[in-house]
Amino acid sequence: MDKDQSWYHGGKNYWQGKSSTVHRMLGGYNKIAKTDLSSSRRFLLKTIQTCSKNTQFGYALDCGAGIGRVTKNLLLPLFQVVDLVDQNEEFLFTAKSKLSPLSNEQHRLGEMYTCGLQDFDPQPNKYDAIWCQWVLMHLTDDDLYSFLLRCKSSLRPNGIIFVKENVSRDDEPEIDADDCSVARTEHTYQELFKRSGLNIIKQQYQGNFPRKLLPVRMYALTGTT
């Protein structure tokens, strides 16, 4: 894909028309929420336990955070501070109102960034974990490459980038013109990771989703040494 601002404008308009609910965040498939979160938690913890034992549970970043579904149920219970980034200001307002009461001395909300990932530049050397789920599909290939480079620079020593995205059923990308997203092939993701200087230390498919949904692949990435 070539960079096209109309692509981003279309995606932004699509989400501006959605209500701030889990049902809408999951495209009407809120019944998959529990399975999704439990699988994500197992993947994250097993990755750290078996592949990156020196990773700390300090700062995490939730990319495409929406109303904070992943922050609330996955990141905030594990990490000391969680920052959120999303281009939709209303979603982040909902996230803050719902998650602020859950904050305490051990686990608290950090910064809220209203910004598309194509323009977001995370602080260098800040994060122990960066979680990207169902959001990289809205970036062009060139912007995804650039974003991954910025994420790599924002990792602390032993930090990990987690990617959880739809993948194509075959050898060609599957484009959704309604929400301006693309289900890339696994090969394309692997090439983008390699080009960005990232190593795949663990990967697996999401199981137990309805068969009519696109396959979902989880990756854990670290910077090359």
C-alpha atoms as a PDB file:
ATOM      1  CA  MET A   1       0.000   0.000   0.000  1.00  0.00           C
ATOM      2  CA  ASP A   2       1.144   3.541  -0.701  1.00  0.00           C
ATOM      3  CA  LYS A   3       0.588   6.152   1.942  1.00  0.00           C
ATOM      4  CA  ASP A   4      -2.734   7.836   1.324  1.00  0.00           C
ATOM      5  CA  GLN A   5      -4.226  10.329   3.718  1.00  0.00           C
ATOM      6  CA  SER A   6      -7.711   9.434   2.505  1.00  0.00           C
ATOM      7  CA  TRP A   7      -7.035   5.951   3.933  1.00  0.00           C
ATOM      8  CA  TYR A   8      -6.467   7.405   7.400  1.00  0.00           C
ATOM      9  CA  HIS A   9      -9.327   9.838   7.054  1.00  0.00           C
ATOM     10  CA  GLY A  10     -11.678   6.984   6.189  1.00  0.00           C
ATOM     11  CA  GLY A  11     -10.546   4.898   9.147  1.00  0.00           C
ATOM     12  CA  LYS A  12     -10.902   7.809  11.530  1.00  0.00           C
ATOM     13  CA  ASN A  13     -14.424   8.540  10.293  1.00  0.00           C
ATOM     14  CA  TYR A  14     -15.386   4.884  10.670  1.00  0.00           C
ATOM     15  CA  TRP A  15     -14.445   4.811  14.353  1.00  0.00           C
ATOM     16  CA  GLN A  16     -15.923   8.234  15.070  1.00  0.00           C
ATOM     17  CA  GLY A  17     -19.275   6.717  14.236  1.00  0.00           C
ATOM     18  CA  LYS A  18     -18.950   3.980  16.853  1.00  0.00           C
ATOM     19  CA  SER A  19     -20.227   4.146  20.422  1.00  0.00           C
ATOM     20  CA  SER A  20     -17.800   3.751  23.315  1.00  0.00           C
ATOM     21  CA  THR A  21     -18.711   0.163  24.219  1.00  0.00           C
ATOM     22  CA  VAL A  22     -16.922  -3.188  24.173  1.00  0.00           C
ATOM     23  CA  HIS A  23     -19.570  -4.444  21.753  1.00  0.00           C
ATOM     24  CA  ARG A  24     -18.626  -1.761  19.224  1.00  0.00           C
ATOM     25  CA  MET A  25     -14.879  -2.068  19.856  1.00  0.00           C
ATOM     26  CA  LEU A  26     -15.097  -5.749  18.909  1.00  0.00           C
ATOM     27  CA  GLY A  27     -17.277  -5.202  15.868  1.00  0.00           C
ATOM     28  CA  GLY A  28     -20.304  -6.813  17.484  1.00  0.00           C
ATOM     29  CA  TYR A  29     -18.374  -9.894  18.630  1.00  0.00           C
ATOM     30  CA  ASN A  30     -18.207  -9.056  22.330  1.00  0.00           C
ATOM     31  CA  LYS A  31     -18.677 -12.774  23.072  1.00  0.00           C
ATOM     32  CA  ILE A  32     -15.027 -13.313  22.101  1.00  0.00           C
ATOM     33  CA  ALA A  33     -13.765 -10.829  24.709  1.00  0.00           C
ATOM     34  CA  LYS A  34     -13.076 -13.323  27.503  1.00  0.00           C
ATOM     35  CA  THR A  35     -11.321 -15.795  25.201  1.00  0.00           C
ATOM     36  CA  ASP A  36      -9.289 -13.012  23.629  1.00  0.00           C
ATOM     37  CA  LEU A  37      -8.090 -11.602  26.947  1.00  0.00           C
ATOM     38  CA  SER A  38      -7.282 -14.934  28.568  1.00  0.00           C
ATOM     39  CA  SER A  39      -5.243 -15.972  25.527  1.00  0.00           C
ATOM     40  CA  SER A  40      -3.426 -12.650  25.491  1.00  0.00           C
ATOM     41  CA  ARG A  41      -2.552 -12.929  29.174  1.00  0.00           C
ATOM     42  CA  ARG A  42      -1.195 -16.457  28.758  1.00  0.00           C
ATOM     43  CA  PHE A  43       0.824 -15.423  25.719  1.00  0.00           C
ATOM     44  CA  LEU A  44       2.320 -12.368  27.436  1.00  0.00           C
ATOM     45  CA  LEU A  45       3.225 -14.165  30.655  1.00  0.00           C
ATOM     46  CA  LYS A  46       4.554 -17.289  28.955  1.00  0.00           C
ATOM     47  CA  THR A  47       6.702 -15.167  26.654  1.00  0.00           C
ATOM     48  CA  ILE A  48       8.303 -13.415  29.596  1.00  0.00           C
ATOM     49  CA  GLN A  49       8.652 -16.592  31.652  1.00  0.00           C
ATOM     50  CA  THR A  50      10.248 -18.656  28.894  1.00  0.00           C
ATOM     51  CA  CYS A  51      11.856 -16.205  26.467  1.00  0.00           C
ATOM     52  CA  SER A  52      12.622 -12.969  28.321  1.00  0.00           C
ATOM     53  CA  LYS A  53      12.934 -13.562  32.044  1.00  0.00           C
ATOM     54  CA  ASN A  54      14.600 -10.192  32.664  1.00  0.00           C
ATOM     55  CA  THR A  55      11.662  -8.194  31.328  1.00  0.00           C
ATOM     56  CA  GLN A  56      10.286  -5.869  34.012  1.00  0.00           C
ATOM     57  CA  PHE A  57       6.655  -5.065  34.782  1.00  0.00           C
ATOM     58  CA  GLY A  58       7.173  -1.318  34.916  1.00  0.00           C
ATOM     59  CA  TYR A  59       5.829   0.751  32.028  1.00  0.00           C
ATOM     60  CA  ALA A  60       3.487  -0.528  29.313  1.00  0.00           C
ATOM     61  CA  LEU A  61       1.923   1.171  26.296  1.00  0.00           C
ATOM     62  CA  ASP A  62      -1.487   0.210  24.879  1.00  0.00           C
ATOM     63  CA  CYS A  63      -1.587   1.144  21.179  1.00  0.00           C
ATOM     64  CA  GLY A  64      -5.001   1.690  19.642  1.00  0.00           C
ATOM     65  CA  ALA A  65      -6.306   1.524  23.191  1.00  0.00           C
ATOM     66  CA  GLY A  66      -9.875   2.544  22.420  1.00  0.00           C
ATOM     67  CA  ILE A  67     -11.936   2.579  25.608  1.00  0.00           C
ATOM     68  CA  GLY A  68      -9.244   0.720  27.539  1.00  0.00           C
ATOM     69  CA  ARG A  69     -10.491  -2.863  27.261  1.00  0.00           C
ATOM     70  CA  VAL A  70      -6.992  -4.324  27.030  1.00  0.00           C
ATOM     71  CA  THR A  71      -5.542  -1.910  29.567  1.00  0.00           C
ATOM     72  CA  LYS A  72      -8.203  -2.763  32.141  1.00  0.00           C
ATOM     73  CA  ASN A  73      -8.131  -6.520  31.819  1.00  0.00           C
ATOM     74  CA  LEU A  74      -4.564  -7.288  30.728  1.00  0.00           C
ATOM     75  CA  LEU A  75      -1.992  -4.541  31.179  1.00  0.00           C
ATOM     76  CA  LEU A  76      -3.080  -2.609  34.271  1.00  0.00           C
ATOM     77  CA  PRO A  77      -3.225  -5.685  36.556  1.00  0.00           C
ATOM     78  CA  LEU A  78       0.349  -6.600  35.535  1.00  0.00           C
ATOM     79  CA  PHE A  79       2.266  -3.354  34.982  1.00  0.00           C
ATOM     80  CA  GLN A  80       2.944  -0.458  37.322  1.00  0.00           C
ATOM     81  CA  VAL A  81       2.065   2.267  34.814  1.00  0.00           C
ATOM     82  CA  VAL A  82       0.123   2.004  31.550  1.00  0.00           C
ATOM     83  CA  ASP A  83       0.026   4.726  28.900  1.00  0.00           C
ATOM     84  CA  LEU A  84      -2.707   4.736  26.257  1.00  0.00           C
ATOM     85  CA  VAL A  85      -2.672   6.037  22.689  1.00  0.00           C
ATOM     86  CA  ASP A  86      -5.655   6.276  20.341  1.00  0.00           C
ATOM     87  CA  GLN A  87      -6.739   8.737  17.681  1.00  0.00           C
ATOM     88  CA  ASN A  88     -10.285   8.933  19.078  1.00  0.00           C
ATOM     89  CA  GLU A  89     -10.555  11.476  21.890  1.00  0.00           C
ATOM     90  CA  GLU A  90     -13.973  10.249  22.982  1.00  0.00           C
ATOM     91  CA  PHE A  91     -12.706   6.691  23.421  1.00  0.00           C
ATOM     92  CA  LEU A  92      -9.827   7.880  25.598  1.00  0.00           C
ATOM     93  CA  PHE A  93     -12.177  10.010  27.687  1.00  0.00           C
ATOM     94  CA  THR A  94     -14.263   6.890  28.334  1.00  0.00           C
ATOM     95  CA  ALA A  95     -11.130   4.928  29.170  1.00  0.00           C
ATOM     96  CA  LYS A  96      -9.944   7.504  31.671  1.00  0.00           C
ATOM     97  CA  SER A  97     -13.325   7.744  33.401  1.00  0.00           C
ATOM     98  CA  LYS A  98     -13.576   3.968  33.751  1.00  0.00           C
ATOM     99  CA  LEU A  99      -9.971   3.165  34.590  1.00  0.00           C
ATOM    100  CA  SER A 100      -8.969   6.013  36.892  1.00  0.00           C
ATOM    101  CA  PRO A 101     -10.901   4.514  39.849  1.00  0.00           C
ATOM    102  CA  LEU A 102      -8.899   1.286  39.404  1.00  0.00           C
ATOM    103  CA  SER A 103      -5.546   3.019  39.779  1.00  0.00           C
ATOM    104  CA  ASN A 104      -3.554   2.597  42.978  1.00  0.00           C
ATOM    105  CA  GLU A 105       0.047   2.898  44.154  1.00  0.00           C
ATOM    106  CA  GLN A 106       1.025  -0.378  42.487  1.00  0.00           C
ATOM    107  CA  HIS A 107      -0.905  -0.060  39.211  1.00  0.00           C
ATOM    108  CA  ARG A 108      -1.930   3.256  37.695  1.00  0.00           C
ATOM    109  CA  LEU A 109      -2.815   4.996  34.470  1.00  0.00           C
ATOM    110  CA  GLY A 110      -0.102   7.098  32.923  1.00  0.00           C
ATOM    111  CA  GLU A 111      -0.333   9.371  29.920  1.00  0.00           C
ATOM    112  CA  MET A 112      -3.187   9.536  27.420  1.00  0.00           C
ATOM    113  CA  TYR A 113      -2.138  10.377  23.869  1.00  0.00           C
ATOM    114  CA  THR A 114      -4.747  11.378  21.280  1.00  0.00           C
ATOM    115  CA  CYS A 115      -2.895  10.540  18.097  1.00  0.00           C
ATOM    116  CA  GLY A 116      -2.875   8.141  15.166  1.00  0.00           C
ATOM    117  CA  LEU A 117      -0.001   5.676  15.258  1.00  0.00           C
ATOM    118  CA  GLN A 118       1.266   6.956  11.903  1.00  0.00           C
ATOM    119  CA  ASP A 119       2.120  10.213  13.725  1.00  0.00           C
ATOM    120  CA  PHE A 120       2.835   8.912  17.229  1.00  0.00           C
ATOM    121  CA  ASP A 121       6.419   9.113  18.473  1.00  0.00           C
ATOM    122  CA  PRO A 122       6.771   7.310  21.827  1.00  0.00           C
ATOM    123  CA  GLN A 123       9.393   8.444  24.310  1.00  0.00           C
ATOM    124  CA  PRO A 124      12.704   6.613  23.854  1.00  0.00           C
ATOM    125  CA  ASN A 125      13.798   4.001  26.387  1.00  0.00           C
ATOM    126  CA  LYS A 126      10.527   4.099  28.341  1.00  0.00           C
ATOM    127  CA  TYR A 127       8.516   0.900  27.907  1.00  0.00           C
ATOM    128  CA  ASP A 128       8.929  -2.650  29.135  1.00  0.00           C
ATOM    129  CA  ALA A 129       6.003  -3.774  26.974  1.00  0.00           C
ATOM    130  CA  ILE A 130       4.187  -2.278  24.008  1.00  0.00           C
ATOM    131  CA  TRP A 131       0.877  -3.928  23.119  1.00  0.00           C
ATOM    132  CA  CYS A 132      -0.544  -3.465  19.597  1.00  0.00           C
ATOM    133  CA  GLN A 133      -3.842  -5.221  18.915  1.00  0.00           C
ATOM    134  CA  TRP A 134      -6.192  -4.756  15.974  1.00  0.00           C
ATOM    135  CA  VAL A 135      -4.640  -1.402  15.156  1.00  0.00           C
ATOM    136  CA  LEU A 136      -1.572  -2.006  12.964  1.00  0.00           C
ATOM    137  CA  MET A 137      -3.990  -3.160  10.289  1.00  0.00           C
ATOM    138  CA  HIS A 138      -4.965   0.500   9.846  1.00  0.00           C
ATOM    139  CA  LEU A 139      -1.412   1.580   8.928  1.00  0.00           C
ATOM    140  CA  THR A 140       0.144   1.548   5.497  1.00  0.00           C
ATOM    141  CA  ASP A 141       3.187  -0.687   5.114  1.00  0.00           C
ATOM    142  CA  ASP A 142       5.576   2.271   5.081  1.00  0.00           C
ATOM    143  CA  ASP A 143       4.008   3.815   8.162  1.00  0.00           C
ATOM    144  CA  LEU A 144       3.997   0.481   9.972  1.00  0.00           C
ATOM    145  CA  TYR A 145       7.705   0.080   9.271  1.00  0.00           C
ATOM    146  CA  SER A 146       8.406   3.573  10.614  1.00  0.00           C
ATOM    147  CA  PHE A 147       6.207   3.013  13.653  1.00  0.00           C
ATOM    148  CA  LEU A 148       7.976  -0.244  14.501  1.00  0.00           C
ATOM    149  CA  LEU A 149      11.324   1.560  14.373  1.00  0.00           C
ATOM    150  CA  ARG A 150      10.023   4.165  16.816  1.00  0.00           C
ATOM    151  CA  CYS A 151       8.628   1.462  19.086  1.00  0.00           C
ATOM    152  CA  LYS A 152      11.952  -0.363  19.073  1.00  0.00           C
ATOM    153  CA  SER A 153      13.682   2.814  20.214  1.00  0.00           C
ATOM    154  CA  SER A 154      11.130   3.302  22.992  1.00  0.00           C
ATOM    155  CA  LEU A 155      11.811  -0.106  24.565  1.00  0.00           C
ATOM    156  CA  ARG A 156      13.772  -0.371  27.764  1.00  0.00           C
ATOM    157  CA  PRO A 157      16.410  -3.126  28.070  1.00  0.00           C
ATOM    158  CA  ASN A 158      14.644  -6.506  27.731  1.00  0.00           C
ATOM    159  CA  GLY A 159      11.465  -4.782  26.557  1.00  0.00           C
ATOM    160  CA  ILE A 160       9.009  -6.554  24.239  1.00  0.00           C
ATOM    161  CA  ILE A 161       6.625  -5.431  21.506  1.00  0.00           C
ATOM    162  CA  PHE A 162       3.490  -7.578  21.393  1.00  0.00           C
ATOM    163  CA  VAL A 163       1.510  -7.648  18.159  1.00  0.00           C
ATOM    164  CA  LYS A 164      -1.928  -9.256  17.874  1.00  0.00           C
ATOM    165  CA  GLU A 165      -3.508  -8.776  14.470  1.00  0.00           C
ATOM    166  CA  ASN A 166      -5.749 -10.359  11.870  1.00  0.00           C
ATOM    167  CA  VAL A 167      -3.863 -12.185   9.125  1.00  0.00           C
ATOM    168  CA  SER A 168      -4.978 -13.115   5.634  1.00  0.00           C
ATOM    169  CA  ARG A 169      -6.457 -16.539   4.931  1.00  0.00           C
ATOM    170  CA  ASP A 170      -4.268 -16.936   1.844  1.00  0.00           C
ATOM    171  CA  ASP A 171      -1.224 -15.449   0.123  1.00  0.00           C
ATOM    172  CA  GLU A 172      -2.822 -12.092  -0.635  1.00  0.00           C
ATOM    173  CA  PRO A 173      -3.794  -9.266   1.734  1.00  0.00           C
ATOM    174  CA  GLU A 174      -7.486  -8.876   2.510  1.00  0.00           C
ATOM    175  CA  ILE A 175      -8.577  -5.233   2.457  1.00  0.00           C
ATOM    176  CA  ASP A 176     -11.673  -3.937   4.220  1.00  0.00           C
ATOM    177  CA  ALA A 177     -12.733  -0.688   2.572  1.00  0.00           C
ATOM    178  CA  ASP A 178     -15.337   0.038   5.245  1.00  0.00           C
ATOM    179  CA  ASP A 179     -12.933   0.587   8.146  1.00  0.00           C
ATOM    180  CA  CYS A 180      -9.809   1.077   6.002  1.00  0.00           C
ATOM    181  CA  SER A 181      -7.903  -1.912   7.333  1.00  0.00           C
ATOM    182  CA  VAL A 182      -5.823  -4.679   5.819  1.00  0.00           C
ATOM    183  CA  ALA A 183      -5.284  -8.248   6.972  1.00  0.00           C
ATOM    184  CA  ARG A 184      -1.674  -8.762   5.922  1.00  0.00           C
ATOM    185  CA  THR A 185      -0.157 -12.108   5.119  1.00  0.00           C
ATOM    186  CA  GLU A 186       2.060 -13.658   7.776  1.00  0.00           C
ATOM    187  CA  HIS A 187       4.961 -13.357   5.357  1.00  0.00           C
ATOM    188  CA  THR A 188       4.412  -9.598   5.050  1.00  0.00           C
ATOM    189  CA  TYR A 189       4.431  -9.170   8.832  1.00  0.00           C
ATOM    190  CA  GLN A 190       7.580 -11.258   9.118  1.00  0.00           C
ATOM    191  CA  GLU A 191       9.326  -9.202   6.449  1.00  0.00           C
ATOM    192  CA  LEU A 192       8.287  -5.917   8.090  1.00  0.00           C
ATOM    193  CA  PHE A 193       9.544  -7.121  11.462  1.00  0.00           C
ATOM    194  CA  LYS A 194      12.852  -8.212   9.956  1.00  0.00           C
ATOM    195  CA  ARG A 195      13.232  -4.951   8.060  1.00  0.00           C
ATOM    196  CA  SER A 196      12.614  -3.060  11.303  1.00  0.00           C
ATOM    197  CA  GLY A 197      15.366  -4.968  13.091  1.00  0.00           C
ATOM    198  CA  LEU A 198      12.981  -6.946  15.281  1.00  0.00           C
ATOM    199  CA  ASN A 199      13.278 -10.609  16.244  1.00  0.00           C
ATOM    200  CA  ILE A 200      10.243 -12.851  16.691  1.00  0.00           C
ATOM    201  CA  ILE A 201      10.868 -14.622  20.007  1.00  0.00           C
ATOM    202  CA  LYS A 202       7.423 -16.233  20.220  1.00  0.00           C
ATOM    203  CA  GLN A 203       4.359 -16.510  18.000  1.00  0.00           C
ATOM    204  CA  GLN A 204       1.092 -18.404  17.936  1.00  0.00           C
ATOM    205  CA  TYR A 205      -2.444 -18.318  16.608  1.00  0.00           C
ATOM    206  CA  GLN A 206      -5.382 -17.182  18.671  1.00  0.00           C
ATOM    207  CA  GLY A 207      -7.621 -20.178  19.241  1.00  0.00           C
ATOM    208  CA  ASN A 208     -11.336 -20.648  19.839  1.00  0.00           C
ATOM    209  CA  PHE A 209     -12.629 -17.741  17.780  1.00  0.00           C
ATOM    210  CA  PRO A 210     -15.616 -18.195  15.445  1.00  0.00           C
ATOM    211  CA  ARG A 211     -14.446 -19.721  12.164  1.00  0.00           C
ATOM    212  CA  LYS A 212     -16.032 -16.948  10.113  1.00  0.00           C
ATOM    213  CA  LEU A 213     -13.586 -14.454  11.613  1.00  0.00           C
ATOM    214  CA  LEU A 214     -10.168 -13.888  10.113  1.00  0.00           C
ATOM    215  CA  PRO A 215      -7.270 -15.792  11.694  1.00  0.00           C
ATOM    216  CA  VAL A 216      -5.479 -13.862  14.443  1.00  0.00           C
ATOM    217  CA  ARG A 217      -1.739 -14.165  14.983  1.00  0.00           C
ATOM    218  CA  MET A 218       0.188 -13.131  18.103  1.00  0.00           C
ATOM    219  CA  TYR A 219       3.844 -12.111  17.937  1.00  0.00           C
ATOM    220  CA  ALA A 220       6.365 -11.173  20.616  1.00  0.00           C
ATOM    221  CA  LEU A 221       9.209  -9.035  19.260  1.00  0.00           C
ATOM    222  CA  THR A 222      12.521  -7.787  20.607  1.00  0.00           C
ATOM    223  CA  GLY A 223      15.176  -5.597  19.082  1.00  0.00           C
ATOM    224  CA  THR A 224      18.111  -7.240  17.365  1.00  0.00           C
ATOM    225  CA  THR A 225      21.442  -7.051  19.122  1.00  0.00           C
END
